[in-house]
Amino acid sequence: MALQYFGHYFNLLDQMPLSLESFHTQLSNVLPEYGTLECETLLEIMIGLHAPLYRVSDIESSDYIIDTTIKNINLNEAKLCFVDIETTSASVKNGQIIEIGAIIAQNGEILDTFDTLVYSPFVPEDIIDLTGIDSYMLEDAPRLEQVLKQFRAFLGDSVFVAHNVSFDYNFIAESLHEYDMPPLFNPRLCTLDLSRRTIVSKKYALAYLNDMLGINTAQAHRAYADALTAFRLYEICMQSLPKEVKTLQELIVFSKGKIAYPQRVAGK
């Protein structure tokens, strides 16, 4: 899936439910490379790749409609994967991932962790200065293709959560594409957006919120440490959610500012 289609895909999820015909038409525009597939075949492929979709009979029309599963998942049941990556560039064309850190959590409890460096023959000086990661540290690290396979298995059907999620999600998705791996269809949630709607702050950079909110993760600009900070930030944001937000879909919509929210409270 090319980058320009990601926004259309997630907008399509927000429009659910859709008739089978409408779903097929709009999805063909989002994923033209799969446009020749029958709708049901494409739907099964996407579900197999953890797209949050399901098919249900429409009693009125005796046809099928497509809806999203995240409407039915309560927040305390949602399995969230907090992700952060370090890269040698802002784009896959000019660089690569050199570290992935991730935490799977459910109802405030950490269930599993993922933390690995990734081999790269070169790390730019500005990235070394920012992260402390240099090429010597990566000499014996696993290759990116192997790490992507491992990460995808770790992610499973979890919701992909990150601070400025479009960067991490898109970079990983584009990296998968570079190795001819299937597209990434997991639903995603942005803690940057969520924090802007639940916390009053002068800045919303992860490092700033880490200090301002007293999260105090010791190491910034390293993948696992930043994933841990994002998880703890999420827990703080949850304390200021309106009572009406009870499902995963409602949380994602709320984070995007598409529904009303109460006055925000300052972090302590």
Protein backbone atom coordinates (compact mmCIF):
# COMPACT_ATOMS: atom_id res chain seq x y z
CA MET A 1 0.00 0.00 0.00
CA ALA A 2 1.56 3.29 -1.09
CA LEU A 3 1.75 6.12 1.43
CA GLN A 4 -0.90 8.22 -0.30
CA TYR A 5 -3.47 5.49 0.32
CA PHE A 6 -3.07 5.23 4.10
CA GLY A 7 -5.25 8.24 4.85
CA HIS A 8 -7.97 6.93 2.53
CA TYR A 9 -7.86 3.51 4.18
CA PHE A 10 -8.33 4.88 7.69
CA ASN A 11 -11.02 7.29 6.51
CA LEU A 12 -12.78 4.27 5.04
CA LEU A 13 -12.73 2.59 8.46
CA ASP A 14 -14.34 5.70 9.95
CA GLN A 15 -17.19 5.43 7.42
CA MET A 16 -18.22 1.90 8.43
CA PRO A 17 -20.67 0.24 8.10
CA LEU A 18 -20.76 0.07 4.30
CA SER A 19 -22.64 -2.09 1.86
CA LEU A 20 -20.62 -4.84 0.22
CA GLU A 21 -20.79 -3.01 -3.11
CA SER A 22 -19.73 0.34 -1.66
CA PHE A 23 -16.94 -1.32 0.32
CA HIS A 24 -15.59 -3.00 -2.81
CA THR A 25 -15.74 0.19 -4.89
CA GLN A 26 -14.03 2.39 -2.31
CA LEU A 27 -11.46 -0.23 -1.38
CA SER A 28 -10.52 -0.67 -5.04
CA ASN A 29 -9.71 3.05 -5.11
CA VAL A 30 -7.63 2.73 -1.94
CA LEU A 31 -5.86 -0.45 -3.05
CA PRO A 32 -5.75 -0.41 -6.86
CA GLU A 33 -3.20 -3.25 -6.91
CA TYR A 34 -5.91 -5.50 -5.44
CA GLY A 35 -8.74 -4.10 -7.54
CA THR A 36 -9.04 -7.22 -9.71
CA LEU A 37 -9.85 -9.45 -6.73
CA GLU A 38 -13.40 -10.37 -5.86
CA CYS A 39 -14.64 -8.41 -2.85
CA GLU A 40 -15.02 -11.43 -0.60
CA THR A 41 -11.53 -12.65 -1.50
CA LEU A 42 -10.02 -9.26 -0.74
CA LEU A 43 -11.97 -9.04 2.52
CA GLU A 44 -10.67 -12.44 3.66
CA ILE A 45 -7.09 -11.44 2.77
CA MET A 46 -7.41 -8.21 4.75
CA ILE A 47 -8.93 -9.97 7.76
CA GLY A 48 -6.07 -12.46 7.61
CA LEU A 49 -3.70 -9.48 7.77
CA HIS A 50 -5.49 -8.15 10.88
CA ALA A 51 -7.66 -5.50 9.25
CA PRO A 52 -10.41 -4.75 11.82
CA LEU A 53 -13.26 -5.84 9.55
CA TYR A 54 -16.11 -8.31 9.55
CA ARG A 55 -19.10 -9.15 7.38
CA VAL A 56 -22.67 -9.24 8.68
CA SER A 57 -26.05 -9.85 7.04
CA ASP A 58 -28.21 -6.80 6.41
CA ILE A 59 -31.75 -7.86 7.33
CA GLU A 60 -33.41 -5.04 5.37
CA SER A 61 -31.64 -5.67 2.06
CA SER A 62 -30.81 -9.38 2.42
CA ASP A 63 -27.27 -8.38 1.47
CA TYR A 64 -24.03 -8.16 3.40
CA ILE A 65 -22.56 -5.09 5.03
CA ILE A 66 -18.98 -4.58 6.12
CA ASP A 67 -18.27 -3.11 9.53
CA THR A 68 -15.28 -2.61 11.79
CA THR A 69 -14.61 -4.85 14.79
CA ILE A 70 -13.15 -2.03 16.87
CA LYS A 71 -16.66 -0.66 17.47
CA ASN A 72 -17.32 -3.69 19.64
CA ILE A 73 -14.09 -3.72 21.65
CA ASN A 74 -14.26 -2.09 25.08
CA LEU A 75 -11.20 -0.11 26.12
CA ASN A 76 -10.33 -2.48 28.95
CA GLU A 77 -10.37 -5.37 26.46
CA ALA A 78 -8.33 -3.68 23.73
CA LYS A 79 -4.88 -5.10 23.08
CA LEU A 80 -2.56 -2.20 22.29
CA CYS A 81 0.96 -2.33 20.87
CA PHE A 82 2.97 0.79 21.73
CA VAL A 83 5.68 1.19 19.10
CA ASP A 84 8.68 3.40 18.50
CA ILE A 85 11.38 3.21 15.86
CA GLU A 86 14.73 4.88 15.32
CA THR A 87 15.76 5.45 11.71
CA THR A 88 18.68 6.83 9.71
CA SER A 89 16.41 9.16 7.73
CA ALA A 90 12.88 10.53 7.67
CA SER A 91 12.01 8.41 4.62
CA VAL A 92 12.47 4.80 3.53
CA LYS A 93 13.93 6.00 0.22
CA ASN A 94 16.86 7.65 1.99
CA GLY A 95 17.32 5.49 5.07
CA GLN A 96 16.17 2.55 7.14
CA ILE A 97 15.05 1.42 10.58
CA ILE A 98 17.91 0.83 13.02
CA GLU A 99 15.88 0.04 16.15
CA ILE A 100 12.36 -1.11 17.01
CA GLY A 101 10.90 -1.12 20.50
CA ALA A 102 7.35 -2.20 21.32
CA ILE A 103 5.12 -3.04 24.27
CA ILE A 104 1.86 -4.97 24.15
CA ALA A 105 -0.51 -3.93 26.93
CA GLN A 106 -4.10 -4.61 27.89
CA ASN A 107 -6.11 -2.82 30.57
CA GLY A 108 -2.97 -1.14 31.92
CA GLU A 109 -0.93 -4.35 32.17
CA ILE A 110 2.17 -5.00 30.06
CA LEU A 111 1.82 -8.43 28.44
CA ASP A 112 4.91 -8.63 26.24
CA THR A 113 7.86 -6.59 24.97
CA PHE A 114 9.94 -6.34 21.79
CA ASP A 115 13.31 -4.62 21.63
CA THR A 116 15.98 -4.98 18.97
CA LEU A 117 18.62 -3.08 17.06
CA VAL A 118 18.73 -3.53 13.28
CA TYR A 119 21.83 -3.91 11.15
CA SER A 120 22.89 -0.91 9.07
CA PRO A 121 26.35 -0.31 7.59
CA PHE A 122 26.06 3.44 8.13
CA VAL A 123 24.50 5.80 10.65
CA PRO A 124 24.58 9.58 9.98
CA GLU A 125 26.30 11.78 12.54
CA ASP A 126 23.11 13.62 13.46
CA ILE A 127 21.38 10.31 14.23
CA ILE A 128 24.35 9.18 16.32
CA ASP A 129 24.15 12.45 18.26
CA LEU A 130 20.39 12.07 18.75
CA THR A 131 20.17 8.38 19.65
CA GLY A 132 23.67 7.32 20.65
CA ILE A 133 23.41 4.47 18.12
CA ASP A 134 26.39 4.07 15.80
CA SER A 135 27.31 1.52 13.14
CA TYR A 136 29.58 -0.40 15.53
CA MET A 137 26.58 -1.16 17.75
CA LEU A 138 24.74 -2.55 14.72
CA GLU A 139 27.46 -4.83 13.34
CA ASP A 140 25.98 -8.01 14.83
CA ALA A 141 22.34 -6.91 14.83
CA PRO A 142 19.77 -8.88 12.77
CA ARG A 143 18.93 -7.71 9.26
CA LEU A 144 15.87 -5.57 8.68
CA GLU A 145 13.92 -8.21 6.75
CA GLN A 146 14.22 -10.65 9.66
CA VAL A 147 13.26 -7.99 12.21
CA LEU A 148 10.20 -6.95 10.21
CA LYS A 149 8.96 -10.54 10.15
CA GLN A 150 9.52 -10.85 13.90
CA PHE A 151 7.84 -7.54 14.64
CA ARG A 152 4.83 -8.35 12.51
CA ALA A 153 4.37 -11.63 14.36
CA PHE A 154 4.71 -9.74 17.66
CA LEU A 155 2.16 -7.09 16.61
CA GLY A 156 -0.42 -9.70 15.62
CA ASP A 157 -3.92 -8.24 15.74
CA SER A 158 -3.06 -5.50 18.25
CA VAL A 159 -3.82 -1.83 17.70
CA PHE A 160 -0.68 0.01 16.55
CA VAL A 161 -0.09 2.92 18.96
CA ALA A 162 2.67 5.51 18.72
CA HIS A 163 3.44 9.17 19.35
CA ASN A 164 2.96 10.75 15.92
CA VAL A 165 1.74 7.36 14.75
CA SER A 166 1.70 8.18 11.05
CA PHE A 167 5.52 8.30 10.99
CA ASP A 168 6.15 4.95 12.71
CA TYR A 169 3.23 3.16 11.04
CA ASN A 170 4.00 4.43 7.55
CA PHE A 171 7.75 3.86 7.83
CA ILE A 172 7.23 0.25 8.91
CA ALA A 173 4.55 -0.28 6.26
CA GLU A 174 6.80 1.13 3.53
CA SER A 175 9.67 -1.04 4.79
CA LEU A 176 7.42 -4.09 4.51
CA HIS A 177 6.62 -3.05 0.95
CA GLU A 178 10.34 -2.79 0.14
CA TYR A 179 10.69 -6.48 1.01
CA ASP A 180 7.52 -7.48 -0.90
CA MET A 181 5.70 -8.29 2.33
CA PRO A 182 1.91 -7.90 2.63
CA PRO A 183 0.45 -4.50 3.60
CA LEU A 184 -0.10 -3.41 7.18
CA PHE A 185 -3.82 -3.12 7.99
CA ASN A 186 -3.88 -2.94 11.81
CA PRO A 187 -5.92 -0.05 13.25
CA ARG A 188 -3.82 2.72 14.73
CA LEU A 189 -4.01 5.28 17.53
CA CYS A 190 -1.87 8.39 18.00
CA THR A 191 -0.83 9.40 21.53
CA LEU A 192 0.23 12.80 20.17
CA ASP A 193 -3.35 13.48 19.07
CA LEU A 194 -4.77 11.94 22.24
CA SER A 195 -2.55 14.03 24.52
CA ARG A 196 -3.57 17.23 22.74
CA ARG A 197 -7.19 16.47 23.61
CA THR A 198 -6.69 15.44 27.22
CA ILE A 199 -3.66 17.34 28.55
CA VAL A 200 -2.87 21.06 28.69
CA SER A 201 0.76 21.63 27.76
CA LYS A 202 2.93 24.19 25.99
CA LYS A 203 4.44 21.41 23.89
CA TYR A 204 3.45 17.87 23.01
CA ALA A 205 6.78 16.34 22.04
CA LEU A 206 7.22 13.01 23.81
CA ALA A 207 10.40 14.09 25.61
CA TYR A 208 8.70 17.25 26.89
CA LEU A 209 5.64 15.38 28.16
CA ASN A 210 7.91 12.78 29.74
CA ASP A 211 9.38 15.51 31.95
CA MET A 212 6.27 17.66 32.40
CA LEU A 213 4.05 14.79 33.51
CA GLY A 214 6.66 13.20 35.76
CA ILE A 215 6.85 10.02 33.71
CA ASN A 216 10.64 10.32 33.90
CA THR A 217 11.70 7.54 31.55
CA ALA A 218 15.46 7.81 31.83
CA GLN A 219 16.49 7.37 28.18
CA ALA A 220 15.00 9.41 25.33
CA HIS A 221 15.34 8.78 21.60
CA ARG A 222 15.77 5.04 22.04
CA ALA A 223 13.00 2.89 20.69
CA TYR A 224 11.97 0.80 23.70
CA ALA A 225 12.28 3.70 26.14
CA ASP A 226 10.09 5.91 23.96
CA ALA A 227 7.54 3.10 23.51
CA LEU A 228 7.40 2.80 27.31
CA THR A 229 6.92 6.56 27.64
CA ALA A 230 4.08 6.43 25.10
CA PHE A 231 2.41 3.66 27.11
CA ARG A 232 2.63 5.65 30.34
CA LEU A 233 1.42 8.78 28.56
CA TYR A 234 -1.58 6.83 27.27
CA GLU A 235 -2.44 5.77 30.81
CA ILE A 236 -2.38 9.42 31.92
CA CYS A 237 -4.54 10.48 28.97
CA MET A 238 -7.10 7.84 29.87
CA GLN A 239 -7.74 9.58 33.18
CA SER A 240 -9.23 12.56 31.32
CA LEU A 241 -11.44 10.77 28.81
CA PRO A 242 -15.13 11.69 28.70
CA LYS A 243 -17.32 8.96 30.14
CA GLU A 244 -19.00 8.50 26.76
CA VAL A 245 -15.79 7.11 25.26
CA LYS A 246 -16.03 3.41 26.03
CA THR A 247 -14.93 1.54 22.91
CA LEU A 248 -11.77 1.45 20.87
CA GLN A 249 -13.48 3.06 17.89
CA GLU A 250 -14.81 5.88 20.06
CA LEU A 251 -11.31 6.47 21.43
CA ILE A 252 -9.77 6.66 17.96
CA VAL A 253 -12.47 9.05 16.76
CA PHE A 254 -12.11 11.14 19.94
CA SER A 255 -8.32 11.35 19.48
CA LYS A 256 -8.85 12.73 15.97
CA GLY A 257 -11.11 15.47 17.31
CA LYS A 258 -14.16 14.21 15.43
CA ILE A 259 -16.42 14.19 18.50
CA ALA A 260 -16.88 16.72 21.29
CA TYR A 261 -14.66 16.45 24.33
CA PRO A 262 -14.71 18.14 27.74
CA GLN A 263 -12.35 20.80 28.99
CA ARG A 264 -8.84 19.42 29.28
CA VAL A 265 -7.04 19.16 32.57
CA ALA A 266 -3.47 20.12 33.24
CA GLY A 267 -0.93 17.40 33.88
CA LYS A 268 0.49 17.22 37.35
